[in-house]
Amino acid sequence: MLTILRKEFNSFLNSPIAYVVLGVFLVAAGLFTWVFPDSSVLDYGYADLQTLFNLAPWIFLFLIPALTMRTFAEEKKAGTMELLLTRPLTESQLIGGKYLACLALALLALIPTLLYYFSIYKLGSPEGNIDSAATVGSYVGLTLLAAVFAALGVLASACTRDQIIAFLLAVVACFLLYSGFDSLASVLEGSPAYYVSQLGIAAHYRDLSKGLIDSRDIIYFFSIVALALQATRLVLRSRNW
C-alpha cells in the first residue's frame, strides 16, 4: 500500500492539478478570511477563524473530487486496471494507497492555514484571545470531512472511466451528504428533524467546530469512510470496465 501511496502522491505533485487545487484553496481562503469586507476577520472584530471553517467545506466540495476523479477512471480509460490487479497487491492495498494519497494532498492544503491561527493569536486583544479548543475541533472536523469527501470521490472514480463524470458524481454525492440532510430536516419539526440532520455531515461538523470532540461524531465519519471504501472494493470486483 505504501508503494501505491508514494506513487500516487508523487504523480499528483508532478502534475499541474495538485498545484491548481492547493492554489485555489489557499487564495480563496485567504481572500475570504482577510480581504473581503463582508467576511474579513479584521473587520469582523472577533478573534476567530469561523470564516475559514465555514468556507472550507464548500471549497473542498469541489477541490477534493478534482483530486480523486483520476484515481480509477484514468486507469480504466488507459486499460491499465487489469495490470494493476495482477500485481502482488490486494484490492484493499490498491484502494487504500490511492485513497490516502488523495487525502494527504487535501490535508496538505490545510497546513499553510495554521499561519492564520498564529496571526490571529498575536492580533488578539489581549494576545492569545482566541478559542483554541474550537479551532482545534474545527481542524479535526475539516480533516474528517476531507477523509469522507476523498472516500466518496474514490468511489465515484471507480464507477466510471470518464474523469468528468467521476468529478460530477463525487460533487453531487458530497453535496447531498453534507447539506442534503440539513435541507430535509429544515422542513420537518421536532424529533424527526433532529434525527434526519444527524444523518448528514454538517451537523457533526458543527459539533466538532465548537470544540466538542465527541466519539459519536468520530465514529460517524469513520463509518462513512469505511462504507465508501468497501463499496469501491465491490465495484472493482465487479470488473465492469
Protein backbone atom coordinates (compact mmCIF):
# COMPACT_ATOMS: atom_id res chain seq x y z
CA MET A 1 0.00 0.00 0.00
CA LEU A 2 2.86 2.39 0.80
CA THR A 3 4.24 1.85 -2.71
CA ILE A 4 0.90 2.87 -4.26
CA LEU A 5 0.65 5.80 -1.84
CA ARG A 6 4.09 7.13 -2.78
CA LYS A 7 3.48 6.56 -6.50
CA GLU A 8 0.11 8.34 -6.47
CA PHE A 9 1.31 11.20 -4.28
CA ASN A 10 4.38 11.79 -6.46
CA SER A 11 2.18 11.58 -9.53
CA PHE A 12 -0.03 14.34 -8.11
CA LEU A 13 2.98 16.53 -7.34
CA ASN A 14 4.31 16.03 -10.87
CA SER A 15 1.05 17.23 -12.43
CA PRO A 16 -0.42 20.76 -12.53
CA ILE A 17 -3.68 19.67 -10.88
CA ALA A 18 -2.13 19.45 -7.40
CA TYR A 19 -0.80 22.99 -7.55
CA VAL A 20 -4.04 24.32 -9.02
CA VAL A 21 -6.02 22.69 -6.21
CA LEU A 22 -3.67 23.96 -3.48
CA GLY A 23 -3.52 27.41 -5.04
CA VAL A 24 -7.28 27.79 -5.46
CA PHE A 25 -7.93 26.68 -1.88
CA LEU A 26 -5.34 28.99 -0.33
CA VAL A 27 -6.25 32.01 -2.47
CA ALA A 28 -9.98 31.62 -1.82
CA ALA A 29 -9.48 31.00 1.90
CA GLY A 30 -7.09 33.95 2.19
CA LEU A 31 -9.37 36.37 0.35
CA PHE A 32 -12.45 35.50 2.37
CA THR A 33 -10.60 35.42 5.68
CA TRP A 34 -8.52 38.58 5.34
CA VAL A 35 -9.58 40.71 2.35
CA PHE A 36 -13.30 40.71 1.51
CA PRO A 37 -15.00 43.21 3.85
CA ASP A 38 -18.13 41.12 4.44
CA SER A 39 -16.12 38.22 5.86
CA SER A 40 -12.69 39.63 6.79
CA VAL A 41 -11.64 38.78 10.33
CA LEU A 42 -10.04 42.24 10.53
CA ASP A 43 -13.45 43.90 10.03
CA TYR A 44 -15.38 41.26 11.96
CA GLY A 45 -13.83 42.33 15.25
CA TYR A 46 -13.64 38.87 16.82
CA ALA A 47 -10.51 36.76 17.14
CA ASP A 48 -11.64 33.54 15.50
CA LEU A 49 -11.34 31.62 12.25
CA GLN A 50 -15.02 30.94 11.75
CA THR A 51 -14.94 32.41 8.24
CA LEU A 52 -12.32 29.87 7.18
CA PHE A 53 -14.10 26.92 8.77
CA ASN A 54 -17.46 27.91 7.26
CA LEU A 55 -15.96 28.33 3.81
CA ALA A 56 -13.54 25.37 3.66
CA PRO A 57 -16.19 22.61 3.36
CA TRP A 58 -17.66 24.29 0.28
CA ILE A 59 -14.23 24.64 -1.33
CA PHE A 60 -13.42 21.01 -0.50
CA LEU A 61 -16.74 20.04 -2.06
CA PHE A 62 -15.23 20.82 -5.47
CA LEU A 63 -11.49 20.53 -4.96
CA ILE A 64 -11.36 17.04 -3.45
CA PRO A 65 -13.44 15.50 -6.28
CA ALA A 66 -10.99 17.20 -8.65
CA LEU A 67 -8.19 15.30 -6.92
CA THR A 68 -9.93 11.94 -6.80
CA MET A 69 -11.56 11.89 -10.25
CA ARG A 70 -8.49 10.37 -11.91
CA THR A 71 -7.71 7.64 -9.36
CA PHE A 72 -9.50 4.76 -11.07
CA ALA A 73 -11.20 6.42 -14.05
CA GLU A 74 -7.82 7.15 -15.63
CA GLU A 75 -6.65 3.56 -15.08
CA LYS A 76 -9.81 2.22 -16.71
CA LYS A 77 -9.56 4.56 -19.68
CA ALA A 78 -5.89 3.72 -20.22
CA GLY A 79 -6.58 -0.01 -19.90
CA THR A 80 -4.16 -0.48 -17.01
CA MET A 81 -6.66 -1.68 -14.41
CA GLU A 82 -6.08 -5.34 -15.20
CA LEU A 83 -2.33 -4.80 -14.96
CA LEU A 84 -2.72 -3.21 -11.55
CA LEU A 85 -4.90 -6.03 -10.28
CA THR A 86 -2.39 -8.68 -11.41
CA ARG A 87 0.36 -7.15 -9.27
CA PRO A 88 1.08 -8.64 -5.83
CA LEU A 89 -1.37 -6.22 -4.22
CA THR A 90 -4.69 -6.84 -2.59
CA GLU A 91 -7.69 -4.74 -3.57
CA SER A 92 -7.60 -3.16 -0.12
CA GLN A 93 -3.96 -2.10 -0.57
CA LEU A 94 -4.67 -0.65 -4.00
CA ILE A 95 -7.72 1.30 -2.83
CA GLY A 96 -6.06 2.34 0.42
CA GLY A 97 -2.93 3.64 -1.31
CA LYS A 98 -4.86 5.74 -3.82
CA TYR A 99 -7.27 6.99 -1.16
CA LEU A 100 -4.53 8.01 1.30
CA ALA A 101 -2.61 9.82 -1.45
CA CYS A 102 -5.67 11.95 -2.26
CA LEU A 103 -6.35 12.60 1.41
CA ALA A 104 -2.72 13.55 2.10
CA LEU A 105 -2.78 16.12 -0.69
CA ALA A 106 -6.07 17.58 0.57
CA LEU A 107 -4.67 17.88 4.10
CA LEU A 108 -1.51 19.47 2.70
CA ALA A 109 -3.69 22.42 1.73
CA LEU A 110 -4.66 22.95 5.37
CA ILE A 111 -1.11 23.28 6.70
CA PRO A 112 -0.49 26.87 5.49
CA THR A 113 -3.75 27.99 7.15
CA LEU A 114 -2.10 27.39 10.53
CA LEU A 115 -0.44 30.75 9.88
CA TYR A 116 -3.92 32.30 10.12
CA TYR A 117 -4.29 30.91 13.63
CA PHE A 118 -0.93 32.26 14.80
CA SER A 119 -1.65 35.64 13.18
CA ILE A 120 -5.00 35.97 14.96
CA TYR A 121 -3.43 34.70 18.17
CA LYS A 122 -0.95 37.58 18.02
CA LEU A 123 -3.53 40.16 16.88
CA GLY A 124 -5.99 39.31 19.64
CA SER A 125 -6.65 41.82 22.40
CA PRO A 126 -5.23 40.68 24.73
CA GLU A 127 -2.75 38.49 22.87
CA GLY A 128 -3.96 34.90 22.70
CA ASN A 129 -7.63 35.87 22.92
CA ILE A 130 -8.83 33.10 20.62
CA ASP A 131 -10.86 29.98 21.34
CA SER A 132 -8.11 27.41 20.76
CA ALA A 133 -10.36 24.46 21.66
CA ALA A 134 -12.88 25.43 18.97
CA THR A 135 -10.04 25.95 16.49
CA VAL A 136 -8.59 22.51 17.18
CA GLY A 137 -12.06 20.97 16.92
CA SER A 138 -12.64 22.73 13.60
CA TYR A 139 -9.35 21.42 12.19
CA VAL A 140 -10.28 17.91 13.35
CA GLY A 141 -13.67 18.38 11.67
CA LEU A 142 -12.07 19.54 8.42
CA THR A 143 -9.68 16.58 8.46
CA LEU A 144 -12.55 14.13 8.90
CA LEU A 145 -14.62 15.98 6.30
CA ALA A 146 -11.76 15.69 3.81
CA ALA A 147 -11.50 11.97 4.63
CA VAL A 148 -15.19 11.44 3.79
CA PHE A 149 -15.08 13.53 0.61
CA ALA A 150 -11.95 11.69 -0.57
CA ALA A 151 -13.59 8.30 0.05
CA LEU A 152 -16.70 9.34 -1.89
CA GLY A 153 -14.52 10.70 -4.68
CA VAL A 154 -12.56 7.45 -4.99
CA LEU A 155 -15.84 5.53 -5.10
CA ALA A 156 -17.16 7.81 -7.86
CA SER A 157 -13.95 7.34 -9.85
CA ALA A 158 -14.27 3.55 -9.54
CA CYS A 159 -17.78 3.70 -11.03
CA THR A 160 -16.79 5.19 -14.40
CA ARG A 161 -13.96 5.51 -16.88
CA ASP A 162 -14.70 9.20 -17.55
CA GLN A 163 -12.97 11.65 -15.21
CA ILE A 164 -15.54 14.41 -15.74
CA ILE A 165 -18.40 12.07 -14.85
CA ALA A 166 -16.42 10.90 -11.82
CA PHE A 167 -15.98 14.54 -10.74
CA LEU A 168 -19.68 15.32 -11.12
CA LEU A 169 -20.76 12.16 -9.31
CA ALA A 170 -18.43 12.95 -6.42
CA VAL A 171 -19.60 16.57 -6.16
CA VAL A 172 -23.25 15.51 -6.07
CA ALA A 173 -22.60 12.77 -3.50
CA CYS A 174 -20.56 15.09 -1.26
CA PHE A 175 -23.16 17.86 -1.52
CA LEU A 176 -26.07 15.58 -0.68
CA LEU A 177 -24.29 14.05 2.29
CA TYR A 178 -23.02 17.39 3.57
CA SER A 179 -26.04 19.62 3.02
CA GLY A 180 -28.92 17.45 1.79
CA PHE A 181 -30.00 16.08 5.16
CA ASP A 182 -29.88 19.55 6.71
CA SER A 183 -32.16 20.84 3.97
CA LEU A 184 -34.56 17.95 4.51
CA ALA A 185 -34.51 18.49 8.29
CA SER A 186 -35.41 22.17 7.81
CA VAL A 187 -38.86 21.21 6.51
CA LEU A 188 -39.50 18.87 9.44
CA GLU A 189 -40.26 19.64 13.06
CA GLY A 190 -39.37 18.18 16.44
CA SER A 191 -37.50 14.91 16.88
CA PRO A 192 -37.67 13.82 13.21
CA ALA A 193 -35.82 16.99 12.18
CA TYR A 194 -33.04 16.29 14.70
CA TYR A 195 -32.58 12.66 13.69
CA VAL A 196 -32.59 13.47 9.97
CA SER A 197 -30.00 16.22 10.44
CA GLN A 198 -27.78 13.75 12.33
CA LEU A 199 -27.61 11.61 9.18
CA GLY A 200 -25.71 14.38 7.38
CA ILE A 201 -22.14 15.60 7.75
CA ALA A 202 -22.96 19.24 8.54
CA ALA A 203 -24.45 18.53 11.98
CA HIS A 204 -21.41 16.52 13.10
CA TYR A 205 -19.03 19.07 11.61
CA ARG A 206 -20.76 21.88 13.52
CA ASP A 207 -20.40 19.98 16.78
CA LEU A 208 -16.69 19.49 16.22
CA SER A 209 -16.29 23.17 15.28
CA LYS A 210 -17.50 24.09 18.77
CA GLY A 211 -14.58 22.19 20.25
CA LEU A 212 -16.82 19.29 21.29
CA ILE A 213 -14.88 16.26 20.10
CA ASP A 214 -17.44 13.53 20.73
CA SER A 215 -16.73 9.86 19.97
CA ARG A 216 -20.11 9.63 18.22
CA ASP A 217 -19.03 12.23 15.66
CA ILE A 218 -15.69 10.46 15.11
CA ILE A 219 -17.44 7.11 14.66
CA TYR A 220 -19.87 8.69 12.18
CA PHE A 221 -17.09 9.98 9.93
CA PHE A 222 -15.07 6.77 10.06
CA SER A 223 -18.19 4.73 9.31
CA ILE A 224 -18.90 6.73 6.14
CA VAL A 225 -15.29 6.34 5.02
CA ALA A 226 -15.36 2.58 5.66
CA LEU A 227 -18.66 2.15 3.79
CA ALA A 228 -17.45 4.18 0.80
CA LEU A 229 -14.16 2.27 0.54
CA GLN A 230 -15.96 -1.07 0.88
CA ALA A 231 -18.34 -0.02 -1.89
CA THR A 232 -15.30 0.87 -4.01
CA ARG A 233 -13.93 -2.61 -3.43
CA LEU A 234 -17.22 -4.18 -4.55
CA VAL A 235 -17.27 -2.03 -7.70
CA LEU A 236 -13.72 -3.08 -8.61
CA ARG A 237 -14.60 -6.73 -8.02
CA SER A 238 -17.46 -6.46 -10.50
CA ARG A 239 -14.90 -5.98 -13.29
CA ASN A 240 -17.44 -3.91 -15.25
CA TRP A 241 -14.88 -1.99 -17.29
